[in-house]
Amino acid sequence: MKTRLAHEFRFEAAHRLPFVPPGHKCARLHGHSFVLEIVVAGDVDSHTGWLVDFAEIEMAWRPLHELFDHRYLNEVEGLSNPTSENLARFVWERVRPSLPILEAVIVRETCVARCEYRGE
């Protein structure tokens, strides 16, 4: 039976969206308390009783946390347009090599708005 496991991470960061229409509020520099969720899925190992050690997910996330936390996301190489959509894809591309059972990356920049990316 396929099981889904999720680990939530938080970071504070500033950004601006350079390609929104003139006068759009997101064109101005602003910050968010981002919540990012890494979701993996697969079969539970019959011996260990788990899908993956949560520590493996944390290790895959750690370099990205260093890259994002208390930073200006527009200055992160590859994120000059740091929309939630682009941020989710950016994380996916960097986490997937070490977590091949990655199913989704979910980015919440507010408590009511989120983006979910599931790869190509």
PDB file of N, CA and C in Angstrom:
ATOM      1  N   MET A   1       0.839  -1.180   0.000  1.00  0.00           N
ATOM      2  CA  MET A   1       0.000   0.000   0.000  1.00  0.00           C
ATOM      3  C   MET A   1       0.884   1.244   0.000  1.00  0.00           C
ATOM      4  N   LYS A   2       0.567   2.186  -0.850  1.00  0.00           N
ATOM      5  CA  LYS A   2       1.334   3.421  -0.969  1.00  0.00           C
ATOM      6  C   LYS A   2       1.024   4.345   0.209  1.00  0.00           C
ATOM      7  N   THR A   3       2.083   4.852   0.818  1.00  0.00           N
ATOM      8  CA  THR A   3       1.958   5.750   1.962  1.00  0.00           C
ATOM      9  C   THR A   3       2.562   7.100   1.604  1.00  0.00           C
ATOM     10  N   ARG A   4       1.933   8.154   2.077  1.00  0.00           N
ATOM     11  CA  ARG A   4       2.461   9.515   1.898  1.00  0.00           C
ATOM     12  C   ARG A   4       2.966  10.009   3.243  1.00  0.00           C
ATOM     13  N   LEU A   5       4.116  10.658   3.212  1.00  0.00           N
ATOM     14  CA  LEU A   5       4.737  11.208   4.403  1.00  0.00           C
ATOM     15  C   LEU A   5       5.101  12.651   4.089  1.00  0.00           C
ATOM     16  N   ALA A   6       4.847  13.563   5.008  1.00  0.00           N
ATOM     17  CA  ALA A   6       5.145  14.978   4.762  1.00  0.00           C
ATOM     18  C   ALA A   6       5.935  15.550   5.930  1.00  0.00           C
ATOM     19  N   HIS A   7       6.852  16.434   5.601  1.00  0.00           N
ATOM     20  CA  HIS A   7       7.639  17.146   6.612  1.00  0.00           C
ATOM     21  C   HIS A   7       7.536  18.629   6.275  1.00  0.00           C
ATOM     22  N   GLU A   8       7.190  19.413   7.278  1.00  0.00           N
ATOM     23  CA  GLU A   8       6.989  20.848   7.096  1.00  0.00           C
ATOM     24  C   GLU A   8       8.217  21.609   7.589  1.00  0.00           C
ATOM     25  N   PHE A   9       8.582  22.637   6.829  1.00  0.00           N
ATOM     26  CA  PHE A   9       9.713  23.493   7.185  1.00  0.00           C
ATOM     27  C   PHE A   9       9.280  24.945   7.089  1.00  0.00           C
ATOM     28  N   ARG A  10       9.950  25.807   7.823  1.00  0.00           N
ATOM     29  CA  ARG A  10       9.615  27.234   7.821  1.00  0.00           C
ATOM     30  C   ARG A  10      10.863  28.056   7.593  1.00  0.00           C
ATOM     31  N   PHE A  11      10.665  29.178   6.898  1.00  0.00           N
ATOM     32  CA  PHE A  11      11.756  30.131   6.742  1.00  0.00           C
ATOM     33  C   PHE A  11      11.168  31.514   6.483  1.00  0.00           C
ATOM     34  N   GLU A  12      11.946  32.511   6.831  1.00  0.00           N
ATOM     35  CA  GLU A  12      11.566  33.909   6.620  1.00  0.00           C
ATOM     36  C   GLU A  12      12.392  34.426   5.451  1.00  0.00           C
ATOM     37  N   ALA A  13      11.749  35.116   4.529  1.00  0.00           N
ATOM     38  CA  ALA A  13      12.494  35.649   3.388  1.00  0.00           C
ATOM     39  C   ALA A  13      11.734  36.814   2.765  1.00  0.00           C
ATOM     40  N   ALA A  14      12.489  37.637   2.064  1.00  0.00           N
ATOM     41  CA  ALA A  14      11.914  38.766   1.326  1.00  0.00           C
ATOM     42  C   ALA A  14      12.021  38.470  -0.169  1.00  0.00           C
ATOM     43  N   HIS A  15      11.137  39.081  -0.928  1.00  0.00           N
ATOM     44  CA  HIS A  15      11.218  38.996  -2.384  1.00  0.00           C
ATOM     45  C   HIS A  15      10.373  40.105  -2.989  1.00  0.00           C
ATOM     46  N   ARG A  16      10.498  40.227  -4.280  1.00  0.00           N
ATOM     47  CA  ARG A  16       9.621  41.070  -5.074  1.00  0.00           C
ATOM     48  C   ARG A  16       9.413  40.339  -6.390  1.00  0.00           C
ATOM     49  N   LEU A  17       8.280  40.570  -7.008  1.00  0.00           N
ATOM     50  CA  LEU A  17       7.974  39.885  -8.262  1.00  0.00           C
ATOM     51  C   LEU A  17       8.147  40.874  -9.410  1.00  0.00           C
ATOM     52  N   PRO A  18       9.190  40.689 -10.227  1.00  0.00           N
ATOM     53  CA  PRO A  18       9.532  41.687 -11.236  1.00  0.00           C
ATOM     54  C   PRO A  18       8.628  41.728 -12.461  1.00  0.00           C
ATOM     55  N   PHE A  19       7.805  40.723 -12.677  1.00  0.00           N
ATOM     56  CA  PHE A  19       7.032  40.671 -13.917  1.00  0.00           C
ATOM     57  C   PHE A  19       5.527  40.830 -13.723  1.00  0.00           C
ATOM     58  N   VAL A  20       5.111  41.304 -12.556  1.00  0.00           N
ATOM     59  CA  VAL A  20       3.683  41.564 -12.343  1.00  0.00           C
ATOM     60  C   VAL A  20       3.309  42.869 -13.038  1.00  0.00           C
ATOM     61  N   PRO A  21       2.014  43.120 -13.259  1.00  0.00           N
ATOM     62  CA  PRO A  21       1.599  44.355 -13.927  1.00  0.00           C
ATOM     63  C   PRO A  21       2.035  45.597 -13.144  1.00  0.00           C
ATOM     64  N   PRO A  22       2.214  46.712 -13.847  1.00  0.00           N
ATOM     65  CA  PRO A  22       2.598  47.960 -13.173  1.00  0.00           C
ATOM     66  C   PRO A  22       1.620  48.293 -12.040  1.00  0.00           C
ATOM     67  N   GLY A  23       2.173  48.703 -10.897  1.00  0.00           N
ATOM     68  CA  GLY A  23       1.357  49.078  -9.749  1.00  0.00           C
ATOM     69  C   GLY A  23       0.948  47.911  -8.857  1.00  0.00           C
ATOM     70  N   HIS A  24       1.239  46.687  -9.253  1.00  0.00           N
ATOM     71  CA  HIS A  24       0.873  45.525  -8.430  1.00  0.00           C
ATOM     72  C   HIS A  24       1.658  45.557  -7.130  1.00  0.00           C
ATOM     73  N   LYS A  25       0.987  45.270  -6.016  1.00  0.00           N
ATOM     74  CA  LYS A  25       1.631  45.350  -4.704  1.00  0.00           C
ATOM     75  C   LYS A  25       2.827  44.408  -4.570  1.00  0.00           C
ATOM     76  N   CYS A  26       2.822  43.285  -5.281  1.00  0.00           N
ATOM     77  CA  CYS A  26       3.926  42.330  -5.162  1.00  0.00           C
ATOM     78  C   CYS A  26       5.179  42.751  -5.927  1.00  0.00           C
ATOM     79  N   ALA A  27       5.087  43.845  -6.667  1.00  0.00           N
ATOM     80  CA  ALA A  27       6.283  44.392  -7.318  1.00  0.00           C
ATOM     81  C   ALA A  27       7.178  45.075  -6.295  1.00  0.00           C
ATOM     82  N   ARG A  28       6.583  45.459  -5.164  1.00  0.00           N
ATOM     83  CA  ARG A  28       7.368  46.098  -4.095  1.00  0.00           C
ATOM     84  C   ARG A  28       8.038  45.026  -3.241  1.00  0.00           C
ATOM     85  N   LEU A  29       9.157  45.375  -2.669  1.00  0.00           N
ATOM     86  CA  LEU A  29       9.864  44.480  -1.762  1.00  0.00           C
ATOM     87  C   LEU A  29       8.967  44.183  -0.562  1.00  0.00           C
ATOM     88  N   HIS A  30       8.820  42.901  -0.237  1.00  0.00           N
ATOM     89  CA  HIS A  30       8.013  42.488   0.906  1.00  0.00           C
ATOM     90  C   HIS A  30       8.500  41.124   1.379  1.00  0.00           C
ATOM     91  N   GLY A  31       8.055  40.702   2.531  1.00  0.00           N
ATOM     92  CA  GLY A  31       8.512  39.434   3.083  1.00  0.00           C
ATOM     93  C   GLY A  31       7.370  38.520   3.458  1.00  0.00           C
ATOM     94  N   HIS A  32       7.715  37.261   3.666  1.00  0.00           N
ATOM     95  CA  HIS A  32       6.747  36.246   4.076  1.00  0.00           C
ATOM     96  C   HIS A  32       7.377  35.332   5.121  1.00  0.00           C
ATOM     97  N   SER A  33       6.532  34.747   5.917  1.00  0.00           N
ATOM     98  CA  SER A  33       6.913  33.627   6.770  1.00  0.00           C
ATOM     99  C   SER A  33       6.510  32.383   5.983  1.00  0.00           C
ATOM    100  N   PHE A  34       7.404  31.924   5.138  1.00  0.00           N
ATOM    101  CA  PHE A  34       7.106  30.802   4.252  1.00  0.00           C
ATOM    102  C   PHE A  34       6.996  29.497   5.042  1.00  0.00           C
ATOM    103  N   VAL A  35       6.070  28.653   4.612  1.00  0.00           N
ATOM    104  CA  VAL A  35       5.954  27.287   5.100  1.00  0.00           C
ATOM    105  C   VAL A  35       6.092  26.405   3.870  1.00  0.00           C
ATOM    106  N   LEU A  36       7.033  25.481   3.927  1.00  0.00           N
ATOM    107  CA  LEU A  36       7.295  24.610   2.792  1.00  0.00           C
ATOM    108  C   LEU A  36       7.158  23.165   3.259  1.00  0.00           C
ATOM    109  N   GLU A  37       6.458  22.391   2.470  1.00  0.00           N
ATOM    110  CA  GLU A  37       6.225  20.997   2.824  1.00  0.00           C
ATOM    111  C   GLU A  37       6.852  20.105   1.758  1.00  0.00           C
ATOM    112  N   ILE A  38       7.615  19.139   2.198  1.00  0.00           N
ATOM    113  CA  ILE A  38       8.191  18.131   1.303  1.00  0.00           C
ATOM    114  C   ILE A  38       7.414  16.841   1.542  1.00  0.00           C
ATOM    115  N   VAL A  39       6.820  16.321   0.468  1.00  0.00           N
ATOM    116  CA  VAL A  39       5.971  15.135   0.553  1.00  0.00           C
ATOM    117  C   VAL A  39       6.639  13.998  -0.226  1.00  0.00           C
ATOM    118  N   VAL A  40       6.771  12.850   0.411  1.00  0.00           N
ATOM    119  CA  VAL A  40       7.300  11.656  -0.244  1.00  0.00           C
ATOM    120  C   VAL A  40       6.217  10.587  -0.217  1.00  0.00           C
ATOM    121  N   ALA A  41       6.331   9.632  -1.130  1.00  0.00           N
ATOM    122  CA  ALA A  41       5.321   8.566  -1.189  1.00  0.00           C
ATOM    123  C   ALA A  41       5.966   7.277  -1.661  1.00  0.00           C
ATOM    124  N   GLY A  42       5.450   6.164  -1.156  1.00  0.00           N
ATOM    125  CA  GLY A  42       5.960   4.859  -1.557  1.00  0.00           C
ATOM    126  C   GLY A  42       5.452   3.779  -0.633  1.00  0.00           C
ATOM    127  N   ASP A  43       6.125   2.654  -0.681  1.00  0.00           N
ATOM    128  CA  ASP A  43       5.742   1.513   0.139  1.00  0.00           C
ATOM    129  C   ASP A  43       6.532   1.517   1.439  1.00  0.00           C
ATOM    130  N   VAL A  44       5.858   1.235   2.524  1.00  0.00           N
ATOM    131  CA  VAL A  44       6.496   1.148   3.831  1.00  0.00           C
ATOM    132  C   VAL A  44       7.355  -0.119   3.870  1.00  0.00           C
ATOM    133  N   ASP A  45       8.576   0.028   4.350  1.00  0.00           N
ATOM    134  CA  ASP A  45       9.471  -1.117   4.497  1.00  0.00           C
ATOM    135  C   ASP A  45       8.924  -2.046   5.582  1.00  0.00           C
ATOM    136  N   SER A  46       8.773  -3.312   5.250  1.00  0.00           N
ATOM    137  CA  SER A  46       8.169  -4.250   6.209  1.00  0.00           C
ATOM    138  C   SER A  46       9.052  -4.484   7.431  1.00  0.00           C
ATOM    139  N   HIS A  47      10.352  -4.295   7.286  1.00  0.00           N
ATOM    140  CA  HIS A  47      11.266  -4.508   8.416  1.00  0.00           C
ATOM    141  C   HIS A  47      11.316  -3.284   9.345  1.00  0.00           C
ATOM    142  N   THR A  48      11.555  -2.089   8.772  1.00  0.00           N
ATOM    143  CA  THR A  48      11.680  -0.881   9.611  1.00  0.00           C
ATOM    144  C   THR A  48      10.330  -0.344  10.046  1.00  0.00           C
ATOM    145  N   GLY A  49       9.306  -0.579   9.220  1.00  0.00           N
ATOM    146  CA  GLY A  49       7.982  -0.053   9.535  1.00  0.00           C
ATOM    147  C   GLY A  49       7.796   1.391   9.114  1.00  0.00           C
ATOM    148  N   TRP A  50       8.751   1.924   8.380  1.00  0.00           N
ATOM    149  CA  TRP A  50       8.587   3.299   7.903  1.00  0.00           C
ATOM    150  C   TRP A  50       8.932   3.423   6.434  1.00  0.00           C
ATOM    151  N   LEU A  51       8.503   4.520   5.856  1.00  0.00           N
ATOM    152  CA  LEU A  51       8.763   4.819   4.450  1.00  0.00           C
ATOM    153  C   LEU A  51      10.174   5.373   4.288  1.00  0.00           C
ATOM    154  N   VAL A  52      10.505   6.353   5.105  1.00  0.00           N
ATOM    155  CA  VAL A  52      11.826   6.976   5.083  1.00  0.00           C
ATOM    156  C   VAL A  52      12.037   7.637   6.440  1.00  0.00           C
ATOM    157  N   ASP A  53      13.255   7.717   6.852  1.00  0.00           N
ATOM    158  CA  ASP A  53      13.590   8.405   8.094  1.00  0.00           C
ATOM    159  C   ASP A  53      13.365   9.908   7.880  1.00  0.00           C
ATOM    160  N   PHE A  54      12.642  10.556   8.785  1.00  0.00           N
ATOM    161  CA  PHE A  54      12.419  11.996   8.663  1.00  0.00           C
ATOM    162  C   PHE A  54      13.747  12.749   8.579  1.00  0.00           C
ATOM    163  N   ALA A  55      14.797  12.210   9.176  1.00  0.00           N
ATOM    164  CA  ALA A  55      16.115  12.854   9.132  1.00  0.00           C
ATOM    165  C   ALA A  55      16.638  12.959   7.702  1.00  0.00           C
ATOM    166  N   GLU A  56      16.290  12.004   6.837  1.00  0.00           N
ATOM    167  CA  GLU A  56      16.705  12.076   5.430  1.00  0.00           C
ATOM    168  C   GLU A  56      16.044  13.256   4.726  1.00  0.00           C
ATOM    169  N   ILE A  57      14.792  13.502   5.051  1.00  0.00           N
ATOM    170  CA  ILE A  57      14.090  14.646   4.464  1.00  0.00           C
ATOM    171  C   ILE A  57      14.723  15.936   4.976  1.00  0.00           C
ATOM    172  N   GLU A  58      15.018  15.973   6.258  1.00  0.00           N
ATOM    173  CA  GLU A  58      15.665  17.162   6.837  1.00  0.00           C
ATOM    174  C   GLU A  58      17.022  17.426   6.197  1.00  0.00           C
ATOM    175  N   MET A  59      17.808  16.385   5.956  1.00  0.00           N
ATOM    176  CA  MET A  59      19.121  16.562   5.323  1.00  0.00           C
ATOM    177  C   MET A  59      18.981  17.094   3.899  1.00  0.00           C
ATOM    178  N   ALA A  60      17.978  16.636   3.174  1.00  0.00           N
ATOM    179  CA  ALA A  60      17.759  17.116   1.808  1.00  0.00           C
ATOM    180  C   ALA A  60      17.355  18.590   1.809  1.00  0.00           C
ATOM    181  N   TRP A  61      16.629  19.022   2.838  1.00  0.00           N
ATOM    182  CA  TRP A  61      16.155  20.396   2.936  1.00  0.00           C
ATOM    183  C   TRP A  61      17.223  21.367   3.458  1.00  0.00           C
ATOM    184  N   ARG A  62      18.090  20.904   4.348  1.00  0.00           N
ATOM    185  CA  ARG A  62      19.024  21.784   5.069  1.00  0.00           C
ATOM    186  C   ARG A  62      19.779  22.778   4.175  1.00  0.00           C
ATOM    187  N   PRO A  63      20.378  22.371   3.054  1.00  0.00           N
ATOM    188  CA  PRO A  63      21.107  23.356   2.233  1.00  0.00           C
ATOM    189  C   PRO A  63      20.195  24.449   1.674  1.00  0.00           C
ATOM    190  N   LEU A  64      18.948  24.093   1.399  1.00  0.00           N
ATOM    191  CA  LEU A  64      18.008  25.085   0.871  1.00  0.00           C
ATOM    192  C   LEU A  64      17.586  26.062   1.967  1.00  0.00           C
ATOM    193  N   HIS A  65      17.433  25.557   3.178  1.00  0.00           N
ATOM    194  CA  HIS A  65      17.108  26.448   4.293  1.00  0.00           C
ATOM    195  C   HIS A  65      18.204  27.501   4.440  1.00  0.00           C
ATOM    196  N   GLU A  66      19.454  27.073   4.353  1.00  0.00           N
ATOM    197  CA  GLU A  66      20.573  28.021   4.445  1.00  0.00           C
ATOM    198  C   GLU A  66      20.519  29.040   3.313  1.00  0.00           C
ATOM    199  N   LEU A  67      20.085  28.606   2.150  1.00  0.00           N
ATOM    200  CA  LEU A  67      20.007  29.471   0.973  1.00  0.00           C
ATOM    201  C   LEU A  67      18.869  30.483   1.071  1.00  0.00           C
ATOM    202  N   PHE A  68      17.758  30.108   1.728  1.00  0.00           N
ATOM    203  CA  PHE A  68      16.544  30.931   1.750  1.00  0.00           C
ATOM    204  C   PHE A  68      16.329  31.747   3.015  1.00  0.00           C
ATOM    205  N   ASP A  69      16.656  31.195   4.179  1.00  0.00           N
ATOM    206  CA  ASP A  69      16.231  31.807   5.436  1.00  0.00           C
ATOM    207  C   ASP A  69      16.873  33.171   5.667  1.00  0.00           C
ATOM    208  N   HIS A  70      16.016  34.157   5.908  1.00  0.00           N
ATOM    209  CA  HIS A  70      16.421  35.541   6.132  1.00  0.00           C
ATOM    210  C   HIS A  70      17.268  36.075   4.974  1.00  0.00           C
ATOM    211  N   ARG A  71      16.821  35.757   3.765  1.00  0.00           N
ATOM    212  CA  ARG A  71      17.500  36.192   2.542  1.00  0.00           C
ATOM    213  C   ARG A  71      16.521  36.930   1.636  1.00  0.00           C
ATOM    214  N   TYR A  72      17.100  37.582   0.644  1.00  0.00           N
ATOM    215  CA  TYR A  72      16.338  38.218  -0.429  1.00  0.00           C
ATOM    216  C   TYR A  72      16.325  37.214  -1.577  1.00  0.00           C
ATOM    217  N   LEU A  73      15.192  36.561  -1.799  1.00  0.00           N
ATOM    218  CA  LEU A  73      15.114  35.436  -2.728  1.00  0.00           C
ATOM    219  C   LEU A  73      15.500  35.807  -4.158  1.00  0.00           C
ATOM    220  N   ASN A  74      15.265  37.046  -4.559  1.00  0.00           N
ATOM    221  CA  ASN A  74      15.622  37.464  -5.916  1.00  0.00           C
ATOM    222  C   ASN A  74      17.121  37.356  -6.170  1.00  0.00           C
ATOM    223  N   GLU A  75      17.921  37.342  -5.114  1.00  0.00           N
ATOM    224  CA  GLU A  75      19.377  37.241  -5.264  1.00  0.00           C
ATOM    225  C   GLU A  75      19.878  35.803  -5.288  1.00  0.00           C
ATOM    226  N   VAL A  76      18.996  34.840  -5.062  1.00  0.00           N
ATOM    227  CA  VAL A  76      19.393  33.422  -5.127  1.00  0.00           C
ATOM    228  C   VAL A  76      19.510  33.055  -6.605  1.00  0.00           C
ATOM    229  N   GLU A  77      20.679  32.543  -6.987  1.00  0.00           N
ATOM    230  CA  GLU A  77      20.889  32.185  -8.386  1.00  0.00           C
ATOM    231  C   GLU A  77      19.819  31.196  -8.846  1.00  0.00           C
ATOM    232  N   GLY A  78      19.133  31.550  -9.926  1.00  0.00           N
ATOM    233  CA  GLY A  78      18.066  30.710 -10.450  1.00  0.00           C
ATOM    234  C   GLY A  78      16.677  31.101  -9.966  1.00  0.00           C
ATOM    235  N   LEU A  79      16.599  32.127  -9.105  1.00  0.00           N
ATOM    236  CA  LEU A  79      15.302  32.564  -8.567  1.00  0.00           C
ATOM    237  C   LEU A  79      15.079  34.065  -8.758  1.00  0.00           C
ATOM    238  N   SER A  80      15.472  34.606  -9.874  1.00  0.00           N
ATOM    239  CA  SER A  80      15.306  36.042 -10.075  1.00  0.00           C
ATOM    240  C   SER A  80      13.833  36.457 -10.108  1.00  0.00           C
ATOM    241  N   ASN A  81      12.934  35.507 -10.376  1.00  0.00           N
ATOM    242  CA  ASN A  81      11.494  35.742 -10.333  1.00  0.00           C
ATOM    243  C   ASN A  81      10.890  34.744  -9.335  1.00  0.00           C
ATOM    244  N   PRO A  82      11.050  35.014  -8.019  1.00  0.00           N
ATOM    245  CA  PRO A  82      10.703  34.024  -6.994  1.00  0.00           C
ATOM    246  C   PRO A  82       9.221  33.954  -6.636  1.00  0.00           C
ATOM    247  N   THR A  83       8.416  33.570  -7.617  1.00  0.00           N
ATOM    248  CA  THR A  83       7.012  33.288  -7.347  1.00  0.00           C
ATOM    249  C   THR A  83       6.937  31.993  -6.544  1.00  0.00           C
ATOM    250  N   SER A  84       5.800  31.715  -5.961  1.00  0.00           N
ATOM    251  CA  SER A  84       5.625  30.440  -5.254  1.00  0.00           C
ATOM    252  C   SER A  84       5.814  29.272  -6.210  1.00  0.00           C
ATOM    253  N   GLU A  85       5.333  29.429  -7.443  1.00  0.00           N
ATOM    254  CA  GLU A  85       5.459  28.380  -8.446  1.00  0.00           C
ATOM    255  C   GLU A  85       6.930  28.090  -8.757  1.00  0.00           C
ATOM    256  N   ASN A  86       7.707  29.158  -8.962  1.00  0.00           N
ATOM    257  CA  ASN A  86       9.128  28.978  -9.268  1.00  0.00           C
ATOM    258  C   ASN A  86       9.905  28.461  -8.067  1.00  0.00           C
ATOM    259  N   LEU A  87       9.534  28.902  -6.883  1.00  0.00           N
ATOM    260  CA  LEU A  87      10.187  28.434  -5.665  1.00  0.00           C
ATOM    261  C   LEU A  87       9.937  26.934  -5.464  1.00  0.00           C
ATOM    262  N   ALA A  88       8.713  26.484  -5.669  1.00  0.00           N
ATOM    263  CA  ALA A  88       8.388  25.063  -5.516  1.00  0.00           C
ATOM    264  C   ALA A  88       9.176  24.213  -6.513  1.00  0.00           C
ATOM    265  N   ARG A  89       9.259  24.653  -7.759  1.00  0.00           N
ATOM    266  CA  ARG A  89      10.009  23.913  -8.775  1.00  0.00           C
ATOM    267  C   ARG A  89      11.503  23.900  -8.440  1.00  0.00           C
ATOM    268  N   PHE A  90      12.022  25.033  -7.976  1.00  0.00           N
ATOM    269  CA  PHE A  90      13.431  25.158  -7.589  1.00  0.00           C
ATOM    270  C   PHE A  90      13.767  24.139  -6.499  1.00  0.00           C
ATOM    271  N   VAL A  91      12.916  24.048  -5.491  1.00  0.00           N
ATOM    272  CA  VAL A  91      13.139  23.098  -4.395  1.00  0.00           C
ATOM    273  C   VAL A  91      13.053  21.670  -4.927  1.00  0.00           C
ATOM    274  N   TRP A  92      12.049  21.370  -5.730  1.00  0.00           N
ATOM    275  CA  TRP A  92      11.884  20.031  -6.297  1.00  0.00           C
ATOM    276  C   TRP A  92      13.163  19.582  -7.007  1.00  0.00           C
ATOM    277  N   GLU A  93      13.692  20.447  -7.866  1.00  0.00           N
ATOM    278  CA  GLU A  93      14.863  20.090  -8.666  1.00  0.00           C
ATOM    279  C   GLU A  93      16.090  19.808  -7.807  1.00  0.00           C
ATOM    280  N   ARG A  94      16.168  20.407  -6.640  1.00  0.00           N
ATOM    281  CA  ARG A  94      17.331  20.220  -5.783  1.00  0.00           C
ATOM    282  C   ARG A  94      17.157  19.104  -4.753  1.00  0.00           C
ATOM    283  N   VAL A  95      15.918  18.792  -4.408  1.00  0.00           N
ATOM    284  CA  VAL A  95      15.651  17.756  -3.413  1.00  0.00           C
ATOM    285  C   VAL A  95      15.502  16.377  -4.074  1.00  0.00           C
ATOM    286  N   ARG A  96      14.957  16.335  -5.245  1.00  0.00           N
ATOM    287  CA  ARG A  96      14.639  15.048  -5.906  1.00  0.00           C
ATOM    288  C   ARG A  96      15.834  14.117  -6.047  1.00  0.00           C
ATOM    289  N   PRO A  97      17.040  14.599  -6.392  1.00  0.00           N
ATOM    290  CA  PRO A  97      18.160  13.649  -6.521  1.00  0.00           C
ATOM    291  C   PRO A  97      18.442  12.855  -5.244  1.00  0.00           C
ATOM    292  N   SER A  98      18.258  13.453  -4.088  1.00  0.00           N
ATOM    293  CA  SER A  98      18.522  12.721  -2.847  1.00  0.00           C
ATOM    294  C   SER A  98      17.263  12.068  -2.272  1.00  0.00           C
ATOM    295  N   LEU A  99      16.094  12.428  -2.788  1.00  0.00           N
ATOM    296  CA  LEU A  99      14.829  11.825  -2.355  1.00  0.00           C
ATOM    297  C   LEU A  99      14.033  11.403  -3.595  1.00  0.00           C
ATOM    298  N   PRO A 100      14.409  10.301  -4.216  1.00  0.00           N
ATOM    299  CA  PRO A 100      13.715   9.899  -5.450  1.00  0.00           C
ATOM    300  C   PRO A 100      12.239   9.576  -5.254  1.00  0.00           C
ATOM    301  N   ILE A 101      11.801   9.377  -4.001  1.00  0.00           N
ATOM    302  CA  ILE A 101      10.383   9.100  -3.747  1.00  0.00           C
ATOM    303  C   ILE A 101       9.604  10.397  -3.509  1.00  0.00           C
ATOM    304  N   LEU A 102      10.225  11.525  -3.849  1.00  0.00           N
ATOM    305  CA  LEU A 102       9.555  12.823  -3.704  1.00  0.00           C
ATOM    306  C   LEU A 102       8.273  12.829  -4.523  1.00  0.00           C
ATOM    307  N   GLU A 103       7.178  13.237  -3.896  1.00  0.00           N
ATOM    308  CA  GLU A 103       5.887  13.298  -4.586  1.00  0.00           C
ATOM    309  C   GLU A 103       5.441  14.735  -4.834  1.00  0.00           C
ATOM    310  N   ALA A 104       5.733  15.640  -3.888  1.00  0.00           N
ATOM    311  CA  ALA A 104       5.273  17.019  -4.043  1.00  0.00           C
ATOM    312  C   ALA A 104       6.094  17.955  -3.174  1.00  0.00           C
ATOM    313  N   VAL A 105       6.144  19.198  -3.628  1.00  0.00           N
ATOM    314  CA  VAL A 105       6.676  20.297  -2.826  1.00  0.00           C
ATOM    315  C   VAL A 105       5.549  21.321  -2.750  1.00  0.00           C
ATOM    316  N   ILE A 106       5.186  21.683  -1.531  1.00  0.00           N
ATOM    317  CA  ILE A 106       4.095  22.633  -1.311  1.00  0.00           C
ATOM    318  C   ILE A 106       4.678  23.875  -0.651  1.00  0.00           C
ATOM    319  N   VAL A 107       4.407  25.031  -1.243  1.00  0.00           N
ATOM    320  CA  VAL A 107       4.904  26.307  -0.723  1.00  0.00           C
ATOM    321  C   VAL A 107       3.708  27.144  -0.314  1.00  0.00           C
ATOM    322  N   ARG A 108       3.714  27.590   0.942  1.00  0.00           N
ATOM    323  CA  ARG A 108       2.695  28.525   1.427  1.00  0.00           C
ATOM    324  C   ARG A 108       3.393  29.821   1.792  1.00  0.00           C
ATOM    325  N   GLU A 109       2.967  30.896   1.158  1.00  0.00           N
ATOM    326  CA  GLU A 109       3.552  32.189   1.514  1.00  0.00           C
ATOM    327  C   GLU A 109       2.625  32.980   2.431  1.00  0.00           C
ATOM    328  N   THR A 110       1.385  32.566   2.512  1.00  0.00           N
ATOM    329  CA  THR A 110       0.443  33.103   3.505  1.00  0.00           C
ATOM    330  C   THR A 110      -0.363  31.924   4.035  1.00  0.00           C
ATOM    331  N   CYS A 111      -1.185  32.175   5.058  1.00  0.00           N
ATOM    332  CA  CYS A 111      -1.974  31.056   5.589  1.00  0.00           C
ATOM    333  C   CYS A 111      -3.104  30.638   4.660  1.00  0.00           C
ATOM    334  N   VAL A 112      -3.396  31.409   3.632  1.00  0.00           N
ATOM    335  CA  VAL A 112      -4.516  31.054   2.759  1.00  0.00           C
ATOM    336  C   VAL A 112      -4.104  30.820   1.308  1.00  0.00           C
ATOM    337  N   ALA A 113      -2.823  30.978   0.986  1.00  0.00           N
ATOM    338  CA  ALA A 113      -2.383  30.820  -0.402  1.00  0.00           C
ATOM    339  C   ALA A 113      -1.216  29.847  -0.470  1.00  0.00           C
ATOM    340  N   ARG A 114      -1.328  28.866  -1.365  1.00  0.00           N
ATOM    341  CA  ARG A 114      -0.252  27.893  -1.495  1.00  0.00           C
ATOM    342  C   ARG A 114      -0.102  27.444  -2.939  1.00  0.00           C
ATOM    343  N   CYS A 115       1.047  26.841  -3.212  1.00  0.00           N
ATOM    344  CA  CYS A 115       1.337  26.266  -4.523  1.00  0.00           C
ATOM    345  C   CYS A 115       1.837  24.857  -4.295  1.00  0.00           C
ATOM    346  N   GLU A 116       1.378  23.932  -5.114  1.00  0.00           N
ATOM    347  CA  GLU A 116       1.801  22.545  -5.005  1.00  0.00           C
ATOM    348  C   GLU A 116       2.427  22.134  -6.329  1.00  0.00           C
ATOM    349  N   TYR A 117       3.666  21.642  -6.267  1.00  0.00           N
ATOM    350  CA  TYR A 117       4.388  21.215  -7.475  1.00  0.00           C
ATOM    351  C   TYR A 117       4.699  19.729  -7.362  1.00  0.00           C
ATOM    352  N   ARG A 118       4.404  18.990  -8.459  1.00  0.00           N
ATOM    353  CA  ARG A 118       4.591  17.543  -8.475  1.00  0.00           C
ATOM    354  C   ARG A 118       5.517  17.080  -9.592  1.00  0.00           C
ATOM    355  N   GLY A 119       6.396  17.933 -10.044  1.00  0.00           N
ATOM    356  CA  GLY A 119       7.329  17.543 -11.100  1.00  0.00           C
ATOM    357  C   GLY A 119       6.708  17.596 -12.471  1.00  0.00           C
ATOM    358  N   GLU A 120       7.523  17.283 -13.442  1.00  0.00           N
ATOM    359  CA  GLU A 120       7.063  17.325 -14.846  1.00  0.00           C
ATOM    360  C   GLU A 120       6.173  16.155 -15.175  1.00  0.00           C
TER     361      GLU A 120
END
